[in-house]
Structures are given as C-alpha cells and as structure tokens.
Amino acid sequence: MTLQELKTRLETEKHFIGPLEVACGTKSELPYIFGIYEEDNRWYIYDTDEQGRIVILDNGSEEDMTEAFYRRVLEIEKRILKKQTLKKRIRKKR
C-alpha cells in the first residue's frame, strides 16, 4: 500500500486509537503522536512520548512500513477497546 492509500484507508475507516494522533507523511515532535514519514528514501514508523521525543519503532520500504503502520493501528485500537470492555464489566459487577 502507498502512503496515499494508507491515508485514505485511515480517513475512511475512522479507527479509535485513544489519545494518540496519527501523522501520515510528516515527522512531528508533538506529544502522543503515532506516525509514519519518509527520509532519504527510507520510511519510518515512530511515536512520541509525553515530551515529544521521537522513538523510531521500525523502518523499511514504503509498502512494508505502510502495511506495518496499518497493522499497528489495528492492534492499538483492539487493545484500547478491550480495556474499555473490561472497565464496563467491572462497573456492572459493582
């Protein structure tokens, strides 16, 4: 998948990834960013911590990194939704 295809897919599907903001195609030093960008013909998946420090999670070709980025979005969403479901169950038991 290309970066444009990734952007279109994310905009269409509207995934919930909690407090994280998605940055496709740009490198940002804002806090709580999950992003993908290209530099020197290499693609990088990264996130930022609460101070905006960039942590590179993976790098490779555009196709490999856009696919990996999309998978990570799905994993993050799944984890957040699972947490919310558990919280609701705990509240119901009280």
Protein backbone atom coordinates (compact mmCIF):
# COMPACT_ATOMS: atom_id res chain seq x y z
CA MET A 1 0.00 0.00 0.00
CA THR A 2 1.20 3.54 -0.68
CA LEU A 3 1.13 6.41 1.79
CA GLN A 4 -1.86 7.92 -0.05
CA GLU A 5 -3.73 4.61 0.14
CA LEU A 6 -2.95 4.42 3.87
CA LYS A 7 -4.24 7.96 4.45
CA THR A 8 -7.44 7.23 2.52
CA ARG A 9 -7.98 3.98 4.40
CA LEU A 10 -7.48 5.58 7.82
CA GLU A 11 -9.78 8.50 6.95
CA THR A 12 -12.49 6.16 5.67
CA GLU A 13 -12.34 3.62 8.50
CA LYS A 14 -12.10 6.08 11.44
CA HIS A 15 -10.11 3.93 13.88
CA PHE A 16 -10.10 4.81 17.58
CA ILE A 17 -6.58 4.89 18.99
CA GLY A 18 -7.15 6.79 22.22
CA PRO A 19 -5.13 9.90 22.96
CA LEU A 20 -2.69 9.29 20.08
CA GLU A 21 -2.81 11.47 17.00
CA VAL A 22 -1.85 10.00 13.64
CA ALA A 23 0.71 11.79 11.48
CA CYS A 24 0.99 10.33 7.97
CA GLY A 25 3.86 11.62 5.90
CA THR A 26 5.22 14.06 8.48
CA LYS A 27 7.68 13.93 11.33
CA SER A 28 6.29 15.68 14.40
CA GLU A 29 7.77 16.40 17.81
CA LEU A 30 4.41 16.98 19.48
CA PRO A 31 3.48 14.67 22.38
CA TYR A 32 1.49 11.48 21.75
CA ILE A 33 1.96 11.17 18.00
CA PHE A 34 1.93 7.87 16.14
CA GLY A 35 3.30 8.49 12.69
CA ILE A 36 4.99 7.46 9.50
CA TYR A 37 7.34 9.54 7.37
CA GLU A 38 9.98 9.23 4.65
CA GLU A 39 13.54 10.47 4.91
CA ASP A 40 16.40 9.73 2.49
CA ASN A 41 14.31 7.15 0.60
CA ARG A 42 13.64 5.23 3.84
CA TRP A 43 10.26 5.04 5.61
CA TYR A 44 9.98 5.24 9.39
CA ILE A 45 7.23 4.36 11.86
CA TYR A 46 7.54 6.32 15.07
CA ASP A 47 5.78 7.56 18.13
CA THR A 48 6.49 10.37 20.54
CA ASP A 49 6.47 10.40 24.31
CA GLU A 50 4.84 12.98 26.59
CA GLN A 51 7.75 15.40 25.96
CA GLY A 52 7.54 14.97 22.18
CA ARG A 53 10.71 12.91 21.90
CA ILE A 54 10.64 10.70 18.80
CA VAL A 55 11.05 6.95 19.19
CA ILE A 56 11.63 5.07 15.92
CA LEU A 57 9.70 1.80 16.00
CA ASP A 58 10.52 0.40 12.56
CA ASN A 59 11.94 1.34 9.16
CA GLY A 60 11.92 -0.04 5.64
CA SER A 61 10.27 0.38 2.26
CA GLU A 62 7.09 2.41 1.76
CA GLU A 63 4.98 -0.68 1.13
CA ASP A 64 6.32 -2.60 4.13
CA MET A 65 6.04 0.36 6.52
CA THR A 66 2.53 1.44 5.45
CA GLU A 67 1.31 -2.14 5.92
CA ALA A 68 3.07 -2.37 9.30
CA PHE A 69 1.68 1.03 10.35
CA TYR A 70 -1.87 -0.06 9.49
CA ARG A 71 -1.45 -3.30 11.45
CA ARG A 72 -0.20 -1.33 14.45
CA VAL A 73 -3.22 0.98 14.27
CA LEU A 74 -5.49 -2.08 14.40
CA GLU A 75 -3.51 -3.50 17.36
CA ILE A 76 -3.71 -0.22 19.28
CA GLU A 77 -7.45 0.04 18.63
CA LYS A 78 -8.02 -3.56 19.71
CA ARG A 79 -6.08 -3.02 22.95
CA ILE A 80 -7.99 0.16 23.80
CA LEU A 81 -11.39 -1.38 23.05
CA LYS A 82 -10.52 -4.43 25.14
CA LYS A 83 -9.60 -2.18 28.09
CA GLN A 84 -12.87 -0.28 27.76
CA THR A 85 -14.87 -3.53 27.67
CA LEU A 86 -13.13 -4.78 30.82
CA LYS A 87 -13.82 -1.50 32.62
CA LYS A 88 -17.52 -1.75 31.71
CA ARG A 89 -17.70 -5.32 33.01
CA ILE A 90 -16.09 -4.32 36.29
CA ARG A 91 -18.56 -1.46 36.73
CA LYS A 92 -21.52 -3.78 36.09
CA LYS A 93 -20.33 -6.20 38.77
CA ARG A 94 -20.25 -3.47 41.43
